[in-house]
Protein backbone atom coordinates (compact mmCIF):
# COMPACT_ATOMS: atom_id res chain seq x y z
CA UNK A 1 0.08 0.00 0.14
CA UNK A 2 2.98 2.09 0.96
CA UNK A 3 4.39 1.85 -2.45
CA UNK A 4 1.04 2.17 -4.31
CA UNK A 5 0.66 5.57 -2.15
CA UNK A 6 4.48 6.94 -3.27
CA UNK A 7 3.66 6.23 -6.82
CA UNK A 8 0.22 7.57 -7.10
CA UNK A 9 1.46 10.95 -5.03
CA UNK A 10 4.33 10.66 -7.45
CA UNK A 11 2.22 10.89 -10.51
CA UNK A 12 -0.17 13.31 -9.28
CA UNK A 13 2.69 15.96 -8.50
CA UNK A 14 3.92 15.18 -12.56
CA UNK A 15 0.69 16.23 -13.47
CA UNK A 16 0.43 18.88 -11.46
CA UNK A 17 -1.94 17.85 -9.31
CA UNK A 18 -0.47 19.10 -6.42
CA UNK A 19 1.73 21.77 -8.18
CA UNK A 20 0.26 23.71 -4.34
CA UNK A 21 2.56 21.76 -2.69
CA UNK A 22 5.40 22.85 -3.99
CA UNK A 23 4.68 26.68 -3.39
CA UNK A 24 6.80 28.25 -0.53
CA UNK A 25 4.76 27.42 2.57
CA UNK A 26 4.01 30.49 4.64
CA UNK A 27 5.35 31.05 8.09
CA UNK A 28 2.73 29.83 11.00
CA UNK A 29 1.05 32.08 13.19
CA UNK A 30 2.39 32.95 16.49
CA UNK A 31 0.39 32.78 19.78
CA UNK A 32 0.89 35.04 22.85
CA UNK A 33 0.21 34.17 26.27
CA UNK A 34 -0.82 36.04 29.55
CA UNK A 35 2.73 37.57 31.37
CA UNK A 36 1.31 35.32 33.91
CA UNK A 37 1.65 32.09 32.11
CA UNK A 38 4.97 31.93 30.71
CA UNK A 39 6.50 29.82 32.44
CA UNK A 40 9.24 26.85 31.62
CA UNK A 41 8.77 24.03 30.11
CA UNK A 42 8.10 21.47 32.22
CA UNK A 43 4.34 23.96 33.70
CA UNK A 44 2.57 22.43 29.96
CA UNK A 45 -0.80 23.41 29.90
CA UNK A 46 -1.71 20.35 27.98
CA UNK A 47 -0.82 17.28 27.05
CA UNK A 48 0.25 16.48 23.11
CA UNK A 49 -2.22 13.75 22.23
CA UNK A 50 -2.29 11.76 18.40
CA UNK A 51 -3.37 13.43 14.93
CA UNK A 52 -7.09 12.86 15.03
CA UNK A 53 -6.97 14.30 11.24
CA UNK A 54 -6.12 16.67 8.91
CA UNK A 55 -8.22 18.38 6.96
CA UNK A 56 -8.74 19.75 3.41
CA UNK A 57 -11.12 21.83 1.89
CA UNK A 58 -12.08 20.56 -1.63
CA UNK A 59 -14.08 22.19 -4.77
CA UNK A 60 -15.82 18.61 -5.83
CA UNK A 61 -16.34 16.34 -2.79
CA UNK A 62 -17.40 13.36 -5.15
CA UNK A 63 -14.38 13.80 -7.04
CA UNK A 64 -11.64 13.75 -4.25
CA UNK A 65 -14.02 11.20 -2.83
CA UNK A 66 -13.57 8.88 -5.73
CA UNK A 67 -9.79 9.83 -6.23
CA UNK A 68 -8.91 8.76 -2.62
CA UNK A 69 -10.89 5.38 -3.31
CA UNK A 70 -10.27 4.35 -6.68
CA UNK A 71 -6.75 5.41 -7.45
CA UNK A 72 -5.00 5.28 -3.86
CA UNK A 73 -7.48 2.61 -2.66
CA UNK A 74 -8.08 4.06 0.48
CA UNK A 75 -11.67 3.29 3.24
CA UNK A 76 -13.74 6.28 2.21
CA UNK A 77 -16.69 7.23 4.20
CA UNK A 78 -20.14 8.17 2.93
CA UNK A 79 -20.77 11.94 2.74
CA UNK A 80 -21.80 12.95 5.87
CA UNK A 81 -23.68 16.80 5.59
CA UNK A 82 -22.96 18.64 8.61
CA UNK A 83 -25.40 21.41 8.27
CA UNK A 84 -24.16 22.97 11.92
CA UNK A 85 -21.13 23.22 10.73
CA UNK A 86 -22.05 24.24 7.32
CA UNK A 87 -20.19 21.89 5.73
CA UNK A 88 -20.17 17.95 4.01
CA UNK A 89 -17.78 16.04 5.57
CA UNK A 90 -15.95 12.42 3.86
CA UNK A 91 -13.36 10.27 6.15
CA UNK A 92 -10.64 8.70 4.11
CA UNK A 93 -9.20 6.20 7.25
CA UNK A 94 -5.39 5.97 6.96
CA UNK A 95 -4.78 3.43 9.58
CA UNK A 96 -3.13 5.70 12.47
CA UNK A 97 -5.52 8.75 11.78
CA UNK A 98 -7.73 10.24 9.18
CA UNK A 99 -7.89 12.70 6.64
CA UNK A 100 -11.49 15.05 6.62
CA UNK A 101 -12.57 16.16 3.52
CA UNK A 102 -14.62 19.70 3.63
CA UNK A 103 -17.28 20.63 1.20
CA UNK A 104 -19.17 23.63 1.45
CA UNK A 105 -22.93 23.38 2.54
CA UNK A 106 -24.70 26.39 1.53
CA UNK A 107 -22.68 29.62 1.03
CA UNK A 108 -22.77 30.88 3.81
CA UNK A 109 -20.42 28.22 4.76
CA UNK A 110 -16.71 29.08 6.65
CA UNK A 111 -15.57 26.43 3.46
CA UNK A 112 -17.33 28.61 0.40
CA UNK A 113 -15.00 31.29 1.75
CA UNK A 114 -11.68 29.73 2.10
CA UNK A 115 -11.98 28.30 -1.49
CA UNK A 116 -13.31 31.37 -2.81
CA UNK A 117 -9.25 32.22 -1.70
CA UNK A 118 -8.24 28.82 -2.35
CA UNK A 119 -9.89 27.56 -5.92
CA UNK A 120 -7.98 24.34 -5.98
CA UNK A 121 -8.36 23.48 -1.97
CA UNK A 122 -6.17 23.06 0.45
CA UNK A 123 -5.42 22.15 4.12
CA UNK A 124 -7.67 23.99 5.91
CA UNK A 125 -7.03 22.49 9.44
CA UNK A 126 -4.86 19.98 11.78
CA UNK A 127 -6.60 18.48 14.92
CA UNK A 128 -4.14 16.95 17.25
CA UNK A 129 -5.77 15.35 20.49
CA UNK A 130 -4.62 16.50 23.51
CA UNK A 131 -5.33 16.69 27.39
CA UNK A 132 -5.47 20.64 28.63
CA UNK A 133 -5.41 22.12 32.40
CA UNK A 134 -7.42 24.61 33.25
CA UNK A 135 -4.50 27.06 32.42
CA UNK A 136 -4.86 26.41 28.45
CA UNK A 137 -8.13 28.36 28.24
CA UNK A 138 -6.18 31.75 28.91
CA UNK A 139 -4.09 31.18 25.80
CA UNK A 140 -4.93 32.46 22.73
CA UNK A 141 -3.56 32.52 18.81
CA UNK A 142 -3.00 35.91 17.55
CA UNK A 143 -6.80 36.74 16.33
CA UNK A 144 -8.62 33.06 16.56
CA UNK A 145 -9.42 31.48 20.12
CA UNK A 146 -7.91 28.05 20.71
CA UNK A 147 -11.23 25.79 20.21
CA UNK A 148 -11.20 22.95 22.22
CA UNK A 149 -13.69 19.83 22.58
CA UNK A 150 -13.75 16.90 24.03
CA UNK A 151 -13.87 13.43 22.71
CA UNK A 152 -15.29 10.50 25.06
């Protein structure tokens, strides 16, 4: 499977499907913390866990679903509409993690705006499981608050 995946990715790159991956990667956002919570590394506010999923916004959900299923041979879920989030999703099982393919569900979807700026789609977010302490609630990114969800 790994050899098939490498060959498929190499073919896709040669064909220009992933030309955006060859573009320079912008620097990430720094995060800031209140002065009182800046401490040494041993006083971590969370413990990083496993990679839950990588979300990729796609302009054509069925085409992307077929690519992962038919070309790469991956286990792919059915399309699931999530109206509360304004998206339709498909999960691609990679064994140790998942890809979450996102497509807008309506014009007001946040993914619609993302796709207007990134016509070919692209990585939307990465989800890493964490166990958090109450101190973590004070962290903020430059313009975005961290979103915490709990999985049972």
